[in-house]
Amino acid sequence: MELSTPTEFTPWLSLGGGILIGLSAVLVMALFGRIAGISGITTGVMGAVVPMQSSASDRDWRIAFVVGLVAAPILYAVVTGGWPEQTVPSAPLGMIAAGLIVGVGTALGSGCTSGHGVCGLARLSPRSLAAVVTFMATAAITVFVLRHVI
């Protein structure tokens, strides 16, 4: 069995990323009165394709948010001359399966890690605390099984 290499410790990059995530969550709440949860934002974007109950102005900021997520690595590549390094092992079928499982989980849990973990905990939501405990425990078990059992 091949042992995986440990993840590189990058405190300054992690701090910067955390600040940007927190800032975006605060701005979305301040400007639009909404939670900055990616699953909710993308569901709202789907309203532009599949008829849903949301106003056009509500969809506009959601579309801008998703476009920003897609544009960020492109801007990075333009500025630095190279794409961001992917440190996650590439296993296309595993990534597709994981994406589907996460999608089902966000639908069942009425939110995702950003909505519950960043915004919900900041609002002291008991439902978000239960969701965060559940997905963190699931993540820890998954990592243990993938790295030490399989």
N, C-alpha and C. Protein backbone atom coordinates (compact mmCIF):
# COMPACT_ATOMS: atom_id res chain seq x y z
N MET A 1 0.85 -1.18 0.00
CA MET A 1 0.00 0.00 0.00
C MET A 1 0.89 1.24 0.00
N GLU A 2 0.55 2.20 -0.86
CA GLU A 2 1.31 3.43 -0.98
C GLU A 2 0.82 4.44 0.06
N LEU A 3 1.75 4.98 0.82
CA LEU A 3 1.38 6.00 1.81
C LEU A 3 1.34 7.35 1.12
N SER A 4 0.32 8.13 1.45
CA SER A 4 0.22 9.46 0.85
C SER A 4 1.13 10.42 1.61
N THR A 5 1.56 11.45 0.90
CA THR A 5 2.41 12.44 1.53
C THR A 5 1.55 13.41 2.33
N PRO A 6 2.08 13.92 3.42
CA PRO A 6 1.29 14.86 4.22
C PRO A 6 1.03 16.16 3.46
N THR A 7 -0.04 16.80 3.81
CA THR A 7 -0.39 18.08 3.19
C THR A 7 0.57 19.15 3.69
N GLU A 8 1.02 20.00 2.78
CA GLU A 8 1.95 21.07 3.14
C GLU A 8 1.27 22.07 4.06
N PHE A 9 1.97 22.51 5.09
CA PHE A 9 1.46 23.50 6.03
C PHE A 9 1.72 24.89 5.48
N THR A 10 0.65 25.63 5.21
CA THR A 10 0.77 26.97 4.63
C THR A 10 -0.07 27.96 5.44
N PRO A 11 0.42 28.37 6.60
CA PRO A 11 -0.40 29.21 7.48
C PRO A 11 -0.78 30.56 6.89
N TRP A 12 0.11 31.21 6.16
CA TRP A 12 -0.19 32.54 5.64
C TRP A 12 -1.20 32.47 4.49
N LEU A 13 -1.03 31.48 3.61
CA LEU A 13 -2.01 31.30 2.54
C LEU A 13 -3.38 30.92 3.12
N SER A 14 -3.36 30.06 4.13
CA SER A 14 -4.62 29.64 4.77
C SER A 14 -5.30 30.82 5.45
N LEU A 15 -4.53 31.64 6.15
CA LEU A 15 -5.08 32.83 6.79
C LEU A 15 -5.68 33.78 5.76
N GLY A 16 -4.94 34.01 4.67
CA GLY A 16 -5.45 34.89 3.61
C GLY A 16 -6.73 34.35 3.01
N GLY A 17 -6.77 33.06 2.73
CA GLY A 17 -7.98 32.45 2.18
C GLY A 17 -9.15 32.55 3.15
N GLY A 18 -8.89 32.32 4.42
CA GLY A 18 -9.94 32.42 5.43
C GLY A 18 -10.49 33.84 5.54
N ILE A 19 -9.61 34.81 5.47
CA ILE A 19 -10.04 36.22 5.52
C ILE A 19 -10.92 36.54 4.31
N LEU A 20 -10.52 36.08 3.13
CA LEU A 20 -11.32 36.34 1.93
C LEU A 20 -12.69 35.65 1.99
N ILE A 21 -12.72 34.42 2.50
CA ILE A 21 -14.01 33.71 2.65
C ILE A 21 -14.90 34.46 3.64
N GLY A 22 -14.33 34.86 4.77
CA GLY A 22 -15.10 35.60 5.76
C GLY A 22 -15.60 36.93 5.23
N LEU A 23 -14.73 37.63 4.51
CA LEU A 23 -15.11 38.92 3.93
C LEU A 23 -16.25 38.74 2.92
N SER A 24 -16.15 37.71 2.08
CA SER A 24 -17.23 37.49 1.10
C SER A 24 -18.53 37.15 1.80
N ALA A 25 -18.48 36.38 2.88
CA ALA A 25 -19.69 36.04 3.62
C ALA A 25 -20.33 37.29 4.23
N VAL A 26 -19.50 38.15 4.79
CA VAL A 26 -20.01 39.39 5.38
C VAL A 26 -20.60 40.30 4.31
N LEU A 27 -19.93 40.42 3.18
CA LEU A 27 -20.42 41.27 2.10
C LEU A 27 -21.75 40.77 1.52
N VAL A 28 -21.87 39.46 1.33
CA VAL A 28 -23.13 38.91 0.81
C VAL A 28 -24.26 39.18 1.80
N MET A 29 -23.99 39.02 3.09
CA MET A 29 -25.03 39.30 4.09
C MET A 29 -25.35 40.79 4.14
N ALA A 30 -24.34 41.63 4.11
CA ALA A 30 -24.55 43.07 4.21
C ALA A 30 -25.24 43.65 2.97
N LEU A 31 -24.82 43.20 1.80
CA LEU A 31 -25.36 43.76 0.56
C LEU A 31 -26.69 43.16 0.13
N PHE A 32 -26.87 41.85 0.37
CA PHE A 32 -28.05 41.17 -0.16
C PHE A 32 -28.93 40.53 0.91
N GLY A 33 -28.46 40.53 2.17
CA GLY A 33 -29.24 39.92 3.24
C GLY A 33 -29.36 38.41 3.09
N ARG A 34 -28.37 37.79 2.48
CA ARG A 34 -28.39 36.35 2.20
C ARG A 34 -27.18 35.66 2.81
N ILE A 35 -27.31 34.36 3.00
CA ILE A 35 -26.22 33.53 3.49
C ILE A 35 -25.33 33.16 2.30
N ALA A 36 -24.02 33.23 2.48
CA ALA A 36 -23.08 32.91 1.40
C ALA A 36 -22.75 31.43 1.39
N GLY A 37 -23.78 30.62 1.19
CA GLY A 37 -23.58 29.18 1.05
C GLY A 37 -23.58 28.82 -0.43
N ILE A 38 -22.56 28.13 -0.87
CA ILE A 38 -22.40 27.85 -2.29
C ILE A 38 -23.57 27.03 -2.84
N SER A 39 -24.06 26.06 -2.08
CA SER A 39 -25.18 25.25 -2.60
C SER A 39 -26.43 26.11 -2.79
N GLY A 40 -26.69 27.03 -1.88
CA GLY A 40 -27.84 27.93 -2.04
C GLY A 40 -27.64 28.91 -3.18
N ILE A 41 -26.42 29.39 -3.33
CA ILE A 41 -26.14 30.34 -4.40
C ILE A 41 -26.31 29.66 -5.76
N THR A 42 -25.76 28.45 -5.90
CA THR A 42 -25.89 27.76 -7.18
C THR A 42 -27.32 27.32 -7.45
N THR A 43 -28.07 26.98 -6.41
CA THR A 43 -29.49 26.67 -6.60
C THR A 43 -30.21 27.90 -7.13
N GLY A 44 -29.87 29.07 -6.62
CA GLY A 44 -30.46 30.31 -7.11
C GLY A 44 -30.08 30.60 -8.55
N VAL A 45 -28.85 30.23 -8.93
CA VAL A 45 -28.42 30.42 -10.31
C VAL A 45 -29.23 29.51 -11.22
N MET A 46 -29.55 28.32 -10.74
CA MET A 46 -30.35 27.39 -11.54
C MET A 46 -31.72 28.00 -11.85
N GLY A 47 -32.18 28.92 -11.04
CA GLY A 47 -33.44 29.60 -11.30
C GLY A 47 -33.42 30.37 -12.61
N ALA A 48 -32.22 30.68 -13.09
CA ALA A 48 -32.11 31.35 -14.39
C ALA A 48 -32.39 30.37 -15.52
N VAL A 49 -32.27 29.08 -15.24
CA VAL A 49 -32.48 28.04 -16.25
C VAL A 49 -33.78 27.29 -15.98
N VAL A 50 -33.95 26.84 -14.74
CA VAL A 50 -35.14 26.10 -14.32
C VAL A 50 -36.02 27.07 -13.54
N PRO A 51 -37.27 27.27 -13.93
CA PRO A 51 -38.11 28.22 -13.21
C PRO A 51 -38.20 27.91 -11.72
N MET A 52 -37.85 28.90 -10.90
CA MET A 52 -37.91 28.78 -9.46
C MET A 52 -38.44 30.09 -8.90
N GLN A 53 -38.70 30.11 -7.62
CA GLN A 53 -39.21 31.32 -7.01
C GLN A 53 -38.05 32.19 -6.53
N SER A 54 -37.53 33.00 -7.41
CA SER A 54 -36.54 34.00 -7.03
C SER A 54 -36.61 35.13 -8.05
N SER A 55 -36.33 36.31 -7.60
CA SER A 55 -36.42 37.47 -8.48
C SER A 55 -35.19 37.56 -9.38
N ALA A 56 -35.31 38.32 -10.45
CA ALA A 56 -34.19 38.49 -11.37
C ALA A 56 -33.01 39.15 -10.67
N SER A 57 -33.27 40.13 -9.80
CA SER A 57 -32.17 40.81 -9.11
C SER A 57 -31.46 39.85 -8.15
N ASP A 58 -32.21 38.91 -7.58
CA ASP A 58 -31.62 37.91 -6.71
C ASP A 58 -30.72 36.98 -7.52
N ARG A 59 -31.15 36.63 -8.71
CA ARG A 59 -30.35 35.76 -9.57
C ARG A 59 -29.10 36.47 -10.07
N ASP A 60 -29.19 37.78 -10.31
CA ASP A 60 -28.05 38.52 -10.85
C ASP A 60 -26.82 38.43 -9.96
N TRP A 61 -26.96 38.70 -8.67
CA TRP A 61 -25.79 38.65 -7.80
C TRP A 61 -25.29 37.22 -7.65
N ARG A 62 -26.21 36.23 -7.69
CA ARG A 62 -25.79 34.83 -7.59
C ARG A 62 -24.97 34.43 -8.82
N ILE A 63 -25.42 34.85 -10.00
CA ILE A 63 -24.67 34.56 -11.22
C ILE A 63 -23.30 35.23 -11.15
N ALA A 64 -23.24 36.47 -10.69
CA ALA A 64 -21.96 37.18 -10.56
C ALA A 64 -21.03 36.43 -9.60
N PHE A 65 -21.57 35.90 -8.51
CA PHE A 65 -20.78 35.16 -7.53
C PHE A 65 -20.17 33.92 -8.18
N VAL A 66 -20.98 33.15 -8.91
CA VAL A 66 -20.50 31.93 -9.56
C VAL A 66 -19.49 32.27 -10.66
N VAL A 67 -19.76 33.32 -11.42
CA VAL A 67 -18.80 33.75 -12.45
C VAL A 67 -17.47 34.11 -11.79
N GLY A 68 -17.51 34.74 -10.65
CA GLY A 68 -16.28 35.07 -9.92
C GLY A 68 -15.52 33.82 -9.50
N LEU A 69 -16.24 32.77 -9.08
CA LEU A 69 -15.58 31.52 -8.71
C LEU A 69 -14.85 30.90 -9.90
N VAL A 70 -15.47 30.99 -11.06
CA VAL A 70 -14.86 30.42 -12.27
C VAL A 70 -13.74 31.33 -12.78
N ALA A 71 -13.92 32.64 -12.66
CA ALA A 71 -12.94 33.59 -13.19
C ALA A 71 -11.67 33.66 -12.35
N ALA A 72 -11.75 33.36 -11.07
CA ALA A 72 -10.58 33.51 -10.19
C ALA A 72 -9.37 32.71 -10.65
N PRO A 73 -9.49 31.42 -10.96
CA PRO A 73 -8.29 30.71 -11.42
C PRO A 73 -7.81 31.19 -12.79
N ILE A 74 -8.72 31.68 -13.62
CA ILE A 74 -8.32 32.22 -14.92
C ILE A 74 -7.51 33.49 -14.71
N LEU A 75 -7.97 34.37 -13.83
CA LEU A 75 -7.23 35.59 -13.50
C LEU A 75 -5.87 35.24 -12.90
N TYR A 76 -5.84 34.24 -12.04
CA TYR A 76 -4.58 33.78 -11.45
C TYR A 76 -3.60 33.37 -12.55
N ALA A 77 -4.09 32.60 -13.52
CA ALA A 77 -3.25 32.14 -14.63
C ALA A 77 -2.73 33.31 -15.46
N VAL A 78 -3.57 34.30 -15.68
CA VAL A 78 -3.16 35.48 -16.45
C VAL A 78 -2.07 36.26 -15.71
N VAL A 79 -2.24 36.43 -14.40
CA VAL A 79 -1.31 37.23 -13.60
C VAL A 79 0.02 36.50 -13.40
N THR A 80 -0.04 35.19 -13.12
CA THR A 80 1.18 34.45 -12.78
C THR A 80 1.79 33.69 -13.95
N GLY A 81 1.02 33.51 -15.02
CA GLY A 81 1.52 32.76 -16.15
C GLY A 81 1.34 31.26 -16.04
N GLY A 82 0.66 30.81 -15.00
CA GLY A 82 0.42 29.36 -14.82
C GLY A 82 -0.83 29.12 -14.01
N TRP A 83 -1.39 27.94 -14.18
CA TRP A 83 -2.61 27.58 -13.45
C TRP A 83 -2.28 27.22 -12.01
N PRO A 84 -3.23 27.42 -11.10
CA PRO A 84 -3.01 26.98 -9.70
C PRO A 84 -2.73 25.48 -9.67
N GLU A 85 -1.81 25.09 -8.81
CA GLU A 85 -1.46 23.68 -8.71
C GLU A 85 -2.58 22.90 -8.03
N GLN A 86 -2.95 21.78 -8.62
CA GLN A 86 -3.95 20.92 -8.00
C GLN A 86 -3.21 19.92 -7.13
N THR A 87 -3.54 19.90 -5.86
CA THR A 87 -2.86 18.99 -4.93
C THR A 87 -3.75 17.81 -4.56
N VAL A 88 -4.95 17.77 -5.10
CA VAL A 88 -5.85 16.65 -4.85
C VAL A 88 -5.56 15.58 -5.89
N PRO A 89 -5.39 14.32 -5.46
CA PRO A 89 -5.12 13.26 -6.45
C PRO A 89 -6.25 13.20 -7.48
N SER A 90 -5.88 13.05 -8.73
CA SER A 90 -6.88 12.98 -9.79
C SER A 90 -7.37 11.55 -9.96
N ALA A 91 -8.60 11.33 -9.60
CA ALA A 91 -9.29 10.06 -9.82
C ALA A 91 -10.68 10.45 -10.29
N PRO A 92 -10.85 10.65 -11.59
CA PRO A 92 -12.10 11.21 -12.12
C PRO A 92 -13.38 10.52 -11.63
N LEU A 93 -13.42 9.20 -11.62
CA LEU A 93 -14.63 8.51 -11.16
C LEU A 93 -14.88 8.76 -9.67
N GLY A 94 -13.81 8.76 -8.89
CA GLY A 94 -13.95 9.03 -7.46
C GLY A 94 -14.42 10.46 -7.21
N MET A 95 -13.89 11.41 -8.00
CA MET A 95 -14.30 12.81 -7.84
C MET A 95 -15.76 13.02 -8.25
N ILE A 96 -16.19 12.32 -9.30
CA ILE A 96 -17.59 12.41 -9.72
C ILE A 96 -18.49 11.83 -8.65
N ALA A 97 -18.12 10.67 -8.11
CA ALA A 97 -18.91 10.04 -7.05
C ALA A 97 -18.97 10.94 -5.82
N ALA A 98 -17.82 11.50 -5.45
CA ALA A 98 -17.78 12.39 -4.29
C ALA A 98 -18.65 13.62 -4.51
N GLY A 99 -18.60 14.18 -5.71
CA GLY A 99 -19.43 15.35 -6.02
C GLY A 99 -20.91 15.04 -5.91
N LEU A 100 -21.31 13.88 -6.41
CA LEU A 100 -22.72 13.49 -6.31
C LEU A 100 -23.13 13.28 -4.85
N ILE A 101 -22.27 12.64 -4.08
CA ILE A 101 -22.58 12.41 -2.66
C ILE A 101 -22.68 13.75 -1.92
N VAL A 102 -21.77 14.66 -2.19
CA VAL A 102 -21.82 15.99 -1.56
C VAL A 102 -23.09 16.72 -1.98
N GLY A 103 -23.45 16.63 -3.25
CA GLY A 103 -24.68 17.28 -3.73
C GLY A 103 -25.92 16.75 -3.02
N VAL A 104 -26.00 15.45 -2.85
CA VAL A 104 -27.13 14.85 -2.13
C VAL A 104 -27.10 15.31 -0.67
N GLY A 105 -25.91 15.32 -0.08
CA GLY A 105 -25.78 15.75 1.31
C GLY A 105 -26.20 17.20 1.53
N THR A 106 -25.83 18.08 0.61
CA THR A 106 -26.22 19.48 0.77
C THR A 106 -27.73 19.65 0.60
N ALA A 107 -28.34 18.82 -0.24
CA ALA A 107 -29.80 18.89 -0.39
C ALA A 107 -30.48 18.37 0.88
N LEU A 108 -30.00 17.25 1.41
CA LEU A 108 -30.59 16.69 2.63
C LEU A 108 -30.34 17.57 3.85
N GLY A 109 -29.14 18.18 3.91
CA GLY A 109 -28.77 19.01 5.05
C GLY A 109 -29.18 20.46 4.91
N SER A 110 -29.88 20.79 3.84
CA SER A 110 -30.31 22.16 3.59
C SER A 110 -29.16 23.15 3.66
N GLY A 111 -28.05 22.79 3.08
CA GLY A 111 -26.91 23.70 3.05
C GLY A 111 -25.60 22.96 2.95
N CYS A 112 -24.53 23.73 2.82
CA CYS A 112 -23.20 23.16 2.60
C CYS A 112 -22.24 23.65 3.68
N THR A 113 -20.98 23.29 3.52
CA THR A 113 -19.97 23.68 4.51
C THR A 113 -19.84 25.18 4.66
N SER A 114 -19.94 25.91 3.55
CA SER A 114 -19.80 27.37 3.65
C SER A 114 -21.04 27.98 4.31
N GLY A 115 -22.21 27.50 3.95
CA GLY A 115 -23.44 28.03 4.54
C GLY A 115 -23.55 27.72 6.02
N HIS A 116 -23.35 26.45 6.37
CA HIS A 116 -23.46 26.04 7.77
C HIS A 116 -22.20 26.38 8.57
N GLY A 117 -21.04 26.05 7.99
CA GLY A 117 -19.79 26.19 8.74
C GLY A 117 -19.33 27.61 8.92
N VAL A 118 -19.43 28.41 7.88
CA VAL A 118 -18.95 29.80 7.98
C VAL A 118 -20.06 30.70 8.50
N CYS A 119 -21.20 30.66 7.83
CA CYS A 119 -22.27 31.61 8.15
C CYS A 119 -23.16 31.14 9.30
N GLY A 120 -23.54 29.86 9.28
CA GLY A 120 -24.43 29.35 10.31
C GLY A 120 -23.82 29.37 11.70
N LEU A 121 -22.58 28.93 11.82
CA LEU A 121 -21.92 28.95 13.13
C LEU A 121 -21.73 30.38 13.62
N ALA A 122 -21.43 31.30 12.70
CA ALA A 122 -21.28 32.70 13.09
C ALA A 122 -22.58 33.27 13.63
N ARG A 123 -23.71 32.72 13.16
CA ARG A 123 -25.03 33.17 13.63
C ARG A 123 -25.51 32.36 14.84
N LEU A 124 -24.65 31.44 15.33
CA LEU A 124 -24.96 30.57 16.47
C LEU A 124 -26.18 29.69 16.23
N SER A 125 -26.31 29.20 15.00
CA SER A 125 -27.43 28.34 14.63
C SER A 125 -27.21 26.92 15.12
N PRO A 126 -28.13 26.39 15.97
CA PRO A 126 -28.00 25.00 16.44
C PRO A 126 -28.06 23.99 15.28
N ARG A 127 -28.89 24.27 14.28
CA ARG A 127 -28.98 23.37 13.12
C ARG A 127 -27.65 23.33 12.38
N SER A 128 -27.00 24.48 12.25
CA SER A 128 -25.70 24.52 11.58
C SER A 128 -24.64 23.79 12.41
N LEU A 129 -24.70 23.92 13.72
CA LEU A 129 -23.75 23.20 14.57
C LEU A 129 -23.90 21.70 14.37
N ALA A 130 -25.14 21.21 14.33
CA ALA A 130 -25.38 19.78 14.10
C ALA A 130 -24.85 19.36 12.73
N ALA A 131 -25.07 20.20 11.72
CA ALA A 131 -24.59 19.89 10.37
C ALA A 131 -23.07 19.85 10.33
N VAL A 132 -22.42 20.83 10.96
CA VAL A 132 -20.96 20.90 10.94
C VAL A 132 -20.36 19.69 11.67
N VAL A 133 -20.90 19.35 12.82
CA VAL A 133 -20.41 18.17 13.55
C VAL A 133 -20.56 16.93 12.69
N THR A 134 -21.69 16.81 12.00
CA THR A 134 -21.93 15.64 11.14
C THR A 134 -20.96 15.58 9.98
N PHE A 135 -20.79 16.69 9.24
CA PHE A 135 -19.89 16.58 8.08
C PHE A 135 -18.42 16.53 8.47
N MET A 136 -18.04 17.11 9.58
CA MET A 136 -16.65 17.00 10.02
C MET A 136 -16.33 15.58 10.47
N ALA A 137 -17.26 14.95 11.20
CA ALA A 137 -17.06 13.55 11.62
C ALA A 137 -17.01 12.65 10.40
N THR A 138 -17.88 12.88 9.44
CA THR A 138 -17.88 12.10 8.21
C THR A 138 -16.58 12.28 7.44
N ALA A 139 -16.09 13.50 7.37
CA ALA A 139 -14.82 13.77 6.68
C ALA A 139 -13.66 13.06 7.37
N ALA A 140 -13.62 13.09 8.70
CA ALA A 140 -12.54 12.44 9.44
C ALA A 140 -12.57 10.93 9.22
N ILE A 141 -13.76 10.35 9.26
CA ILE A 141 -13.89 8.90 9.02
C ILE A 141 -13.49 8.56 7.60
N THR A 142 -13.91 9.37 6.63
CA THR A 142 -13.57 9.13 5.23
C THR A 142 -12.06 9.16 5.02
N VAL A 143 -11.39 10.17 5.57
CA VAL A 143 -9.94 10.27 5.43
C VAL A 143 -9.27 9.07 6.08
N PHE A 144 -9.71 8.68 7.25
CA PHE A 144 -9.12 7.52 7.93
C PHE A 144 -9.28 6.27 7.09
N VAL A 145 -10.47 6.02 6.59
CA VAL A 145 -10.73 4.81 5.79
C VAL A 145 -9.90 4.84 4.50
N LEU A 146 -9.88 5.97 3.81
CA LEU A 146 -9.13 6.04 2.55
C LEU A 146 -7.62 5.94 2.74
N ARG A 147 -7.11 6.49 3.82
CA ARG A 147 -5.64 6.48 4.02
C ARG A 147 -5.13 5.27 4.79
N HIS A 148 -5.97 4.66 5.62
CA HIS A 148 -5.45 3.61 6.49
C HIS A 148 -6.13 2.25 6.34
N VAL A 149 -7.31 2.22 5.76
CA VAL A 149 -8.04 0.96 5.64
C VAL A 149 -7.99 0.41 4.21
N ILE A 150 -8.29 1.28 3.25
CA ILE A 150 -8.32 0.81 1.85
C ILE A 150 -6.91 0.78 1.27
